[in-house]
Every structure is written in structure tokens, then in C-alpha cells.
């Protein structure tokens, strides 16, 4: 189900799958792929405070599914797609 959710983000929002570059140094159970905006579109997501060099939003589909059990009835998985809207 997480793979399907990530693919929905990819097709609807233009994200791509990534894995943390230091994933080999983490225990296997903490390494999870995530989706983010492609590197070529990094400029659209500049950090307003100028602190982060890379302010692209990240989304972990596994975490999104797990949060479904803690969210209230007003929250939906599709609400997570709002994070890809470039800051004004």
C-alpha cells in the first residue's frame, strides 16, 4: 500500500522516489524510501529563512499510512499533497 501511495504522489504531484544517501549506515528497519520533488525543481522550494540549502518537501508513504490511525476524522491522505505547493 505504501508503494501505491508513493506512486500516486509521483504521478499527481511530479515527485520521485529517493533513499537517504547515508542509508547504508542506518539499521535496516529505519531505512525507508520517500518521495520528494526532483532536484531540477529545487529552486521552486527556496527556504524563506535562508537556513536550508535544500528545502524540498519530503514524504514517507509508510509514515503517512501509520499516521492515519492517529489523525482525527477531518484528516485525509490527500491532505499530504498540499506540501508540494511551492511557497509564495
N, C-alpha and C. Protein backbone atom coordinates (compact mmCIF):
# COMPACT_ATOMS: atom_id res chain seq x y z
N UNK A 1 0.80 -1.18 0.00
CA UNK A 1 0.00 0.00 0.00
C UNK A 1 0.86 1.27 0.00
N UNK A 2 1.98 1.24 0.71
CA UNK A 2 2.86 2.41 0.75
C UNK A 2 3.44 2.69 -0.64
N UNK A 3 3.80 1.65 -1.35
CA UNK A 3 4.34 1.84 -2.70
C UNK A 3 3.28 2.49 -3.60
N UNK A 4 2.04 2.05 -3.48
CA UNK A 4 0.95 2.64 -4.27
C UNK A 4 0.78 4.11 -3.91
N UNK A 5 0.77 4.44 -2.62
CA UNK A 5 0.61 5.82 -2.18
C UNK A 5 1.75 6.70 -2.71
N UNK A 6 2.98 6.20 -2.67
CA UNK A 6 4.11 6.95 -3.22
C UNK A 6 3.96 7.17 -4.71
N UNK A 7 3.48 6.17 -5.43
CA UNK A 7 3.28 6.32 -6.88
C UNK A 7 2.18 7.32 -7.19
N UNK A 8 1.16 7.39 -6.34
CA UNK A 8 0.11 8.41 -6.53
C UNK A 8 0.75 9.80 -6.41
N UNK A 9 1.58 9.99 -5.40
CA UNK A 9 2.27 11.28 -5.25
C UNK A 9 3.13 11.56 -6.48
N UNK A 10 3.83 10.55 -6.97
CA UNK A 10 4.69 10.75 -8.13
C UNK A 10 3.90 11.19 -9.36
N UNK A 11 2.80 10.53 -9.61
CA UNK A 11 2.03 10.82 -10.82
C UNK A 11 1.21 12.10 -10.72
N UNK A 12 0.68 12.39 -9.56
CA UNK A 12 -0.17 13.57 -9.40
C UNK A 12 0.66 14.83 -9.14
N UNK A 13 1.71 14.71 -8.36
CA UNK A 13 2.47 15.88 -7.91
C UNK A 13 3.85 16.02 -8.54
N UNK A 14 4.26 15.05 -9.34
CA UNK A 14 5.56 15.14 -10.00
C UNK A 14 6.74 14.84 -9.10
N UNK A 15 6.53 14.07 -8.04
CA UNK A 15 7.63 13.70 -7.16
C UNK A 15 8.39 12.50 -7.73
N UNK A 16 9.49 12.16 -7.09
CA UNK A 16 10.29 11.00 -7.47
C UNK A 16 10.69 10.26 -6.21
N UNK A 17 10.94 8.97 -6.34
CA UNK A 17 11.41 8.15 -5.20
C UNK A 17 12.86 8.49 -4.90
N UNK A 18 13.22 8.48 -3.63
CA UNK A 18 14.60 8.65 -3.20
C UNK A 18 14.85 7.82 -1.96
N UNK A 19 16.11 7.59 -1.69
CA UNK A 19 16.54 6.91 -0.48
C UNK A 19 17.65 7.76 0.12
N UNK A 20 17.69 7.91 1.41
CA UNK A 20 18.69 8.76 2.05
C UNK A 20 20.09 8.29 1.64
N UNK A 21 20.99 9.22 1.29
CA UNK A 21 22.33 8.82 0.84
C UNK A 21 23.13 8.04 1.87
N UNK A 22 22.86 8.23 3.15
CA UNK A 22 23.57 7.51 4.20
C UNK A 22 22.81 6.28 4.66
N UNK A 23 21.89 5.78 3.86
CA UNK A 23 21.03 4.67 4.26
C UNK A 23 21.83 3.44 4.67
N UNK A 24 22.98 3.23 4.10
CA UNK A 24 23.78 2.04 4.42
C UNK A 24 24.25 2.05 5.87
N UNK A 25 24.33 3.22 6.49
CA UNK A 25 24.81 3.29 7.88
C UNK A 25 23.68 3.18 8.90
N UNK A 26 22.41 3.15 8.44
CA UNK A 26 21.27 3.02 9.35
C UNK A 26 20.88 1.57 9.50
N UNK A 27 20.28 1.20 10.63
CA UNK A 27 19.76 -0.16 10.76
C UNK A 27 18.69 -0.41 9.69
N UNK A 28 18.56 -1.61 9.19
CA UNK A 28 17.65 -1.90 8.09
C UNK A 28 16.20 -1.51 8.35
N UNK A 29 15.74 -1.59 9.59
CA UNK A 29 14.34 -1.30 9.85
C UNK A 29 14.03 0.19 9.84
N UNK A 30 15.03 1.06 9.81
CA UNK A 30 14.77 2.50 9.77
C UNK A 30 14.93 3.07 8.37
N UNK A 31 15.41 2.29 7.44
CA UNK A 31 15.63 2.78 6.08
C UNK A 31 14.35 2.59 5.28
N UNK A 32 13.74 3.71 4.92
CA UNK A 32 12.53 3.65 4.12
C UNK A 32 12.65 4.64 2.97
N UNK A 33 12.27 4.24 1.78
CA UNK A 33 12.28 5.20 0.68
C UNK A 33 11.22 6.28 0.91
N UNK A 34 11.44 7.42 0.31
CA UNK A 34 10.50 8.53 0.41
C UNK A 34 10.35 9.16 -0.96
N UNK A 35 9.38 10.05 -1.09
CA UNK A 35 9.22 10.78 -2.34
C UNK A 35 9.49 12.25 -2.07
N UNK A 36 10.00 12.93 -3.07
CA UNK A 36 10.30 14.35 -2.98
C UNK A 36 10.26 14.97 -4.37
N UNK A 37 10.34 16.27 -4.41
CA UNK A 37 10.38 17.00 -5.67
C UNK A 37 11.73 16.72 -6.34
N UNK A 38 11.77 16.55 -7.67
CA UNK A 38 13.05 16.31 -8.34
C UNK A 38 14.05 17.46 -8.11
N UNK A 39 15.31 17.11 -8.10
CA UNK A 39 16.38 18.07 -7.87
C UNK A 39 16.31 19.25 -8.83
N UNK A 40 15.88 19.02 -10.05
CA UNK A 40 15.81 20.08 -11.06
C UNK A 40 14.84 21.19 -10.65
N UNK A 41 13.88 20.89 -9.79
CA UNK A 41 12.88 21.87 -9.37
C UNK A 41 13.18 22.43 -7.98
N UNK A 42 14.38 22.24 -7.49
CA UNK A 42 14.77 22.68 -6.16
C UNK A 42 14.56 24.18 -5.96
N UNK A 43 14.79 24.98 -6.98
CA UNK A 43 14.69 26.44 -6.87
C UNK A 43 13.27 26.89 -6.54
N UNK A 44 12.27 26.10 -6.87
CA UNK A 44 10.88 26.45 -6.57
C UNK A 44 10.59 26.39 -5.07
N UNK A 45 11.45 25.73 -4.31
CA UNK A 45 11.21 25.49 -2.89
C UNK A 45 12.31 26.10 -2.04
N UNK A 46 12.62 27.36 -2.28
CA UNK A 46 13.66 28.03 -1.51
C UNK A 46 13.19 28.21 -0.06
N UNK A 47 14.12 28.07 0.85
CA UNK A 47 13.84 28.27 2.27
C UNK A 47 13.68 29.76 2.54
N UNK A 48 12.52 30.16 3.04
CA UNK A 48 12.24 31.58 3.27
C UNK A 48 13.23 32.21 4.25
N UNK A 49 13.75 31.43 5.19
CA UNK A 49 14.68 31.95 6.18
C UNK A 49 16.13 31.84 5.72
N UNK A 50 16.37 31.16 4.62
CA UNK A 50 17.72 31.03 4.10
C UNK A 50 18.61 30.10 4.89
N UNK A 51 18.03 29.22 5.69
CA UNK A 51 18.81 28.31 6.52
C UNK A 51 19.16 27.04 5.76
N UNK A 52 18.17 26.45 5.12
CA UNK A 52 18.35 25.18 4.42
C UNK A 52 18.73 25.41 2.96
N UNK A 53 19.71 24.67 2.50
CA UNK A 53 20.09 24.72 1.09
C UNK A 53 19.07 23.97 0.23
N UNK A 54 18.51 22.93 0.79
CA UNK A 54 17.54 22.10 0.07
C UNK A 54 16.24 22.06 0.89
N UNK A 55 15.26 22.85 0.50
CA UNK A 55 14.01 22.95 1.26
C UNK A 55 12.87 22.19 0.58
N UNK A 56 13.22 21.25 -0.30
CA UNK A 56 12.16 20.47 -0.96
C UNK A 56 11.42 19.65 0.08
N UNK A 57 10.09 19.52 -0.05
CA UNK A 57 9.34 18.70 0.90
C UNK A 57 9.61 17.21 0.69
N UNK A 58 9.65 16.47 1.77
CA UNK A 58 9.83 15.03 1.73
C UNK A 58 8.55 14.38 2.24
N UNK A 59 8.25 13.21 1.73
CA UNK A 59 7.06 12.49 2.20
C UNK A 59 7.36 11.00 2.25
N UNK A 60 7.18 10.43 3.41
CA UNK A 60 7.35 8.99 3.59
C UNK A 60 6.00 8.31 3.57
N UNK A 61 5.66 7.59 2.51
CA UNK A 61 4.34 6.94 2.42
C UNK A 61 4.05 5.99 3.58
N UNK A 62 5.06 5.27 4.06
CA UNK A 62 4.83 4.36 5.19
C UNK A 62 4.39 5.16 6.41
N UNK A 63 5.06 6.27 6.68
CA UNK A 63 4.69 7.11 7.81
C UNK A 63 3.30 7.71 7.62
N UNK A 64 2.97 8.10 6.40
CA UNK A 64 1.65 8.65 6.12
C UNK A 64 0.54 7.65 6.44
N UNK A 65 0.76 6.41 6.08
CA UNK A 65 -0.24 5.37 6.35
C UNK A 65 -0.35 5.14 7.86
N UNK A 66 0.78 5.10 8.54
CA UNK A 66 0.76 4.89 10.00
C UNK A 66 0.05 6.04 10.72
N UNK A 67 0.20 7.26 10.24
CA UNK A 67 -0.45 8.40 10.88
C UNK A 67 -1.96 8.37 10.72
N UNK A 68 -2.48 7.62 9.79
CA UNK A 68 -3.93 7.53 9.61
C UNK A 68 -4.62 7.11 10.91
N UNK A 69 -3.95 6.33 11.72
CA UNK A 69 -4.55 5.82 12.94
C UNK A 69 -4.53 6.83 14.08
N UNK A 70 -3.76 7.91 13.94
CA UNK A 70 -3.69 8.91 14.99
C UNK A 70 -4.40 10.21 14.60
N UNK A 71 -4.70 10.39 13.32
CA UNK A 71 -5.38 11.60 12.87
C UNK A 71 -6.85 11.55 13.26
N UNK A 72 -7.44 12.71 13.33
CA UNK A 72 -8.87 12.80 13.57
C UNK A 72 -9.64 12.54 12.28
N UNK A 73 -10.95 12.52 12.35
CA UNK A 73 -11.77 12.19 11.18
C UNK A 73 -11.72 13.26 10.08
N UNK A 74 -11.21 14.45 10.40
CA UNK A 74 -11.15 15.52 9.40
C UNK A 74 -9.95 15.40 8.48
N UNK A 75 -9.01 14.54 8.78
CA UNK A 75 -7.76 14.45 8.03
C UNK A 75 -7.81 13.30 7.03
N UNK A 76 -7.28 13.53 5.82
CA UNK A 76 -7.26 12.54 4.75
C UNK A 76 -5.84 12.42 4.20
N UNK A 77 -5.52 11.30 3.59
CA UNK A 77 -4.20 11.14 2.96
C UNK A 77 -3.96 12.18 1.89
N UNK A 78 -5.00 12.58 1.18
CA UNK A 78 -4.81 13.56 0.10
C UNK A 78 -4.37 14.92 0.65
N UNK A 79 -4.61 15.19 1.93
CA UNK A 79 -4.16 16.45 2.53
C UNK A 79 -2.64 16.57 2.49
N UNK A 80 -1.94 15.45 2.48
CA UNK A 80 -0.47 15.48 2.43
C UNK A 80 0.06 16.04 1.12
N UNK A 81 -0.74 16.02 0.08
CA UNK A 81 -0.26 16.50 -1.22
C UNK A 81 -0.12 18.03 -1.24
N UNK A 82 -0.70 18.71 -0.29
CA UNK A 82 -0.59 20.17 -0.22
C UNK A 82 0.85 20.61 0.04
N UNK A 83 1.66 19.73 0.59
CA UNK A 83 3.05 20.08 0.91
C UNK A 83 3.88 20.38 -0.32
N UNK A 84 3.42 19.97 -1.49
CA UNK A 84 4.21 20.17 -2.71
C UNK A 84 3.93 21.52 -3.37
N UNK A 85 3.01 22.29 -2.83
CA UNK A 85 2.74 23.60 -3.40
C UNK A 85 3.92 24.51 -3.07
N UNK A 86 4.57 25.08 -4.09
CA UNK A 86 5.73 25.95 -3.82
C UNK A 86 5.33 27.12 -2.94
N UNK A 87 6.20 27.52 -2.02
CA UNK A 87 5.88 28.68 -1.17
C UNK A 87 5.75 29.95 -2.01
N UNK A 88 4.89 30.83 -1.58
CA UNK A 88 4.66 32.08 -2.34
C UNK A 88 5.73 33.10 -2.05
